Amino acid sequence: TDAEAWSTAGVSLVSVGRESGLVCASTHLTAFNGNTEVAIRINTPTSETVEDPRAYSIENPAMVMCLAIFGAYLVAVSCGMYYDLRISAAQGRAASDSFWRRSNHIRISRISSER
């Protein structure tokens, strides 16, 4: 009957060899041979996965996340540099120097109070 049939959902054949036997990949944790020692490799890079062009594709969610974080970093750095250059142009170098003097004074007073 259909209820007793094995489901192949999430299981794919990787290789068949004399040395390795039958190797399958699964999207779920299942031991098909009853062996309690199951090797699970999660995010283990191999030469095959590193050279796979899909790893660096925009369709890969991890790549999209990396690009989004890097883009946000570039925007933040650009805004910071623009703001700093605008203040320096308007107020001269003294504005930047006074900022660093205040920062160092706060840091030194905090260190002194901890002693």
C-alpha atoms as a PDB file:
ATOM      1  CA  THR A   1       0.000   0.000   0.000  1.00  0.00           C
ATOM      2  CA  ASP A   2       1.011   3.640  -0.336  1.00  0.00           C
ATOM      3  CA  ALA A   3       1.128   4.151   3.443  1.00  0.00           C
ATOM      4  CA  GLU A   4       3.769   1.429   3.794  1.00  0.00           C
ATOM      5  CA  ALA A   5       5.940   2.657   0.901  1.00  0.00           C
ATOM      6  CA  TRP A   6       9.300   4.273   1.630  1.00  0.00           C
ATOM      7  CA  SER A   7       9.376   7.993   1.031  1.00  0.00           C
ATOM      8  CA  THR A   8      12.266   9.356  -1.019  1.00  0.00           C
ATOM      9  CA  ALA A   9      11.531  12.976  -0.111  1.00  0.00           C
ATOM     10  CA  GLY A  10      14.738  14.703   0.953  1.00  0.00           C
ATOM     11  CA  VAL A  11      17.012  11.774   0.035  1.00  0.00           C
ATOM     12  CA  SER A  12      19.362  11.662  -2.934  1.00  0.00           C
ATOM     13  CA  LEU A  13      22.016   9.247  -4.159  1.00  0.00           C
ATOM     14  CA  VAL A  14      25.552  10.633  -3.867  1.00  0.00           C
ATOM     15  CA  SER A  15      27.683   7.739  -5.066  1.00  0.00           C
ATOM     16  CA  VAL A  16      27.974   3.979  -5.311  1.00  0.00           C
ATOM     17  CA  GLY A  17      31.413   2.466  -4.973  1.00  0.00           C
ATOM     18  CA  ARG A  18      33.204  -0.699  -4.022  1.00  0.00           C
ATOM     19  CA  GLU A  19      35.112   1.045  -1.217  1.00  0.00           C
ATOM     20  CA  SER A  20      32.473   3.448   0.067  1.00  0.00           C
ATOM     21  CA  GLY A  21      29.369   1.415  -0.633  1.00  0.00           C
ATOM     22  CA  LEU A  22      26.108   3.244  -1.174  1.00  0.00           C
ATOM     23  CA  VAL A  23      26.324   6.908  -0.101  1.00  0.00           C
ATOM     24  CA  CYS A  24      23.165   8.959   0.177  1.00  0.00           C
ATOM     25  CA  ALA A  25      22.526  12.554   1.205  1.00  0.00           C
ATOM     26  CA  SER A  26      19.524  13.466   3.300  1.00  0.00           C
ATOM     27  CA  THR A  27      17.890  16.712   4.360  1.00  0.00           C
ATOM     28  CA  HIS A  28      16.815  15.062   7.610  1.00  0.00           C
ATOM     29  CA  LEU A  29      18.585  12.998  10.263  1.00  0.00           C
ATOM     30  CA  THR A  30      17.943   9.370   9.396  1.00  0.00           C
ATOM     31  CA  ALA A  31      20.203   6.337   9.794  1.00  0.00           C
ATOM     32  CA  PHE A  32      19.083   3.792   7.203  1.00  0.00           C
ATOM     33  CA  ASN A  33      21.354   0.959   8.287  1.00  0.00           C
ATOM     34  CA  GLY A  34      20.592   0.952  12.013  1.00  0.00           C
ATOM     35  CA  ASN A  35      24.138   2.081  12.774  1.00  0.00           C
ATOM     36  CA  THR A  36      24.231   4.491  15.706  1.00  0.00           C
ATOM     37  CA  GLU A  37      27.427   6.129  14.450  1.00  0.00           C
ATOM     38  CA  VAL A  38      26.228   8.596  11.845  1.00  0.00           C
ATOM     39  CA  ALA A  39      28.686  11.176  10.542  1.00  0.00           C
ATOM     40  CA  ILE A  40      26.960  14.494  10.079  1.00  0.00           C
ATOM     41  CA  ARG A  41      28.881  17.218   8.268  1.00  0.00           C
ATOM     42  CA  ILE A  42      27.266  20.619   8.479  1.00  0.00           C
ATOM     43  CA  ASN A  43      28.804  23.454   6.478  1.00  0.00           C
ATOM     44  CA  THR A  44      32.032  21.568   5.933  1.00  0.00           C
ATOM     45  CA  PRO A  45      33.711  23.105   2.883  1.00  0.00           C
ATOM     46  CA  THR A  46      35.177  20.695   0.364  1.00  0.00           C
ATOM     47  CA  SER A  47      36.889  21.324  -2.942  1.00  0.00           C
ATOM     48  CA  GLU A  48      33.587  20.506  -4.662  1.00  0.00           C
ATOM     49  CA  THR A  49      31.561  23.052  -2.686  1.00  0.00           C
ATOM     50  CA  VAL A  50      34.200  25.788  -2.872  1.00  0.00           C
ATOM     51  CA  GLU A  51      34.445  25.454  -6.650  1.00  0.00           C
ATOM     52  CA  ASP A  52      30.664  25.256  -7.091  1.00  0.00           C
ATOM     53  CA  PRO A  53      29.509  28.456  -8.831  1.00  0.00           C
ATOM     54  CA  ARG A  54      26.142  28.256  -7.038  1.00  0.00           C
ATOM     55  CA  ALA A  55      27.934  29.027  -3.738  1.00  0.00           C
ATOM     56  CA  TYR A  56      28.700  32.554  -4.979  1.00  0.00           C
ATOM     57  CA  SER A  57      25.408  33.100  -6.785  1.00  0.00           C
ATOM     58  CA  ILE A  58      22.941  35.816  -5.825  1.00  0.00           C
ATOM     59  CA  GLU A  59      20.402  32.986  -5.437  1.00  0.00           C
ATOM     60  CA  ASN A  60      22.335  31.723  -2.370  1.00  0.00           C
ATOM     61  CA  PRO A  61      20.753  33.238   0.791  1.00  0.00           C
ATOM     62  CA  ALA A  62      24.107  33.324   2.607  1.00  0.00           C
ATOM     63  CA  MET A  63      25.636  35.339  -0.230  1.00  0.00           C
ATOM     64  CA  VAL A  64      22.693  37.755  -0.193  1.00  0.00           C
ATOM     65  CA  MET A  65      23.190  38.260   3.558  1.00  0.00           C
ATOM     66  CA  CYS A  66      26.942  38.878   3.128  1.00  0.00           C
ATOM     67  CA  LEU A  67      26.302  41.404   0.356  1.00  0.00           C
ATOM     68  CA  ALA A  68      23.648  43.192   2.445  1.00  0.00           C
ATOM     69  CA  ILE A  69      25.978  43.475   5.460  1.00  0.00           C
ATOM     70  CA  PHE A  70      28.868  44.660   3.299  1.00  0.00           C
ATOM     71  CA  GLY A  71      26.598  47.188   1.566  1.00  0.00           C
ATOM     72  CA  ALA A  72      25.386  48.537   4.927  1.00  0.00           C
ATOM     73  CA  TYR A  73      29.015  48.827   6.063  1.00  0.00           C
ATOM     74  CA  LEU A  74      29.952  50.806   2.945  1.00  0.00           C
ATOM     75  CA  VAL A  75      26.980  53.141   3.400  1.00  0.00           C
ATOM     76  CA  ALA A  76      27.855  53.745   7.076  1.00  0.00           C
ATOM     77  CA  VAL A  77      31.518  54.452   6.300  1.00  0.00           C
ATOM     78  CA  SER A  78      30.587  56.755   3.418  1.00  0.00           C
ATOM     79  CA  CYS A  79      28.121  58.711   5.587  1.00  0.00           C
ATOM     80  CA  GLY A  80      30.693  58.991   8.372  1.00  0.00           C
ATOM     81  CA  MET A  81      33.394  60.251   6.006  1.00  0.00           C
ATOM     82  CA  TYR A  82      30.984  62.737   4.397  1.00  0.00           C
ATOM     83  CA  TYR A  83      29.892  64.051   7.801  1.00  0.00           C
ATOM     84  CA  ASP A  84      33.511  64.357   9.001  1.00  0.00           C
ATOM     85  CA  LEU A  85      34.607  66.179   5.839  1.00  0.00           C
ATOM     86  CA  ARG A  86      31.622  68.528   6.043  1.00  0.00           C
ATOM     87  CA  ILE A  87      32.375  69.434   9.678  1.00  0.00           C
ATOM     88  CA  SER A  88      36.089  69.824   8.961  1.00  0.00           C
ATOM     89  CA  ALA A  89      35.354  72.124   6.017  1.00  0.00           C
ATOM     90  CA  ALA A  90      32.924  74.239   8.051  1.00  0.00           C
ATOM     91  CA  GLN A  91      34.782  74.406  11.370  1.00  0.00           C
ATOM     92  CA  GLY A  92      38.335  73.579  10.424  1.00  0.00           C
ATOM     93  CA  ARG A  93      40.571  70.956  11.927  1.00  0.00           C
ATOM     94  CA  ALA A  94      39.937  72.266  15.453  1.00  0.00           C
ATOM     95  CA  ALA A  95      36.511  70.576  15.528  1.00  0.00           C
ATOM     96  CA  SER A  96      38.067  67.162  15.000  1.00  0.00           C
ATOM     97  CA  ASP A  97      40.852  67.884  17.500  1.00  0.00           C
ATOM     98  CA  SER A  98      38.392  68.987  20.198  1.00  0.00           C
ATOM     99  CA  PHE A  99      36.356  65.802  19.656  1.00  0.00           C
ATOM    100  CA  TRP A 100      39.407  63.618  20.259  1.00  0.00           C
ATOM    101  CA  ARG A 101      40.490  65.703  23.280  1.00  0.00           C
ATOM    102  CA  ARG A 102      37.037  65.249  24.859  1.00  0.00           C
ATOM    103  CA  SER A 103      37.070  61.512  24.084  1.00  0.00           C
ATOM    104  CA  ASN A 104      40.516  61.037  25.627  1.00  0.00           C
ATOM    105  CA  HIS A 105      39.567  63.119  28.671  1.00  0.00           C
ATOM    106  CA  ILE A 106      36.484  60.944  29.283  1.00  0.00           C
ATOM    107  CA  ARG A 107      38.525  57.758  28.851  1.00  0.00           C
ATOM    108  CA  ILE A 108      41.278  58.955  31.210  1.00  0.00           C
ATOM    109  CA  SER A 109      38.783  60.089  33.876  1.00  0.00           C
ATOM    110  CA  ARG A 110      36.998  56.696  33.670  1.00  0.00           C
ATOM    111  CA  ILE A 111      40.286  54.826  34.081  1.00  0.00           C
ATOM    112  CA  SER A 112      41.257  57.047  37.041  1.00  0.00           C
ATOM    113  CA  SER A 113      37.933  56.493  38.799  1.00  0.00           C
ATOM    114  CA  GLU A 114      38.322  52.681  38.519  1.00  0.00           C
ATOM    115  CA  ARG A 115      41.551  52.775  40.524  1.00  0.00           C
END
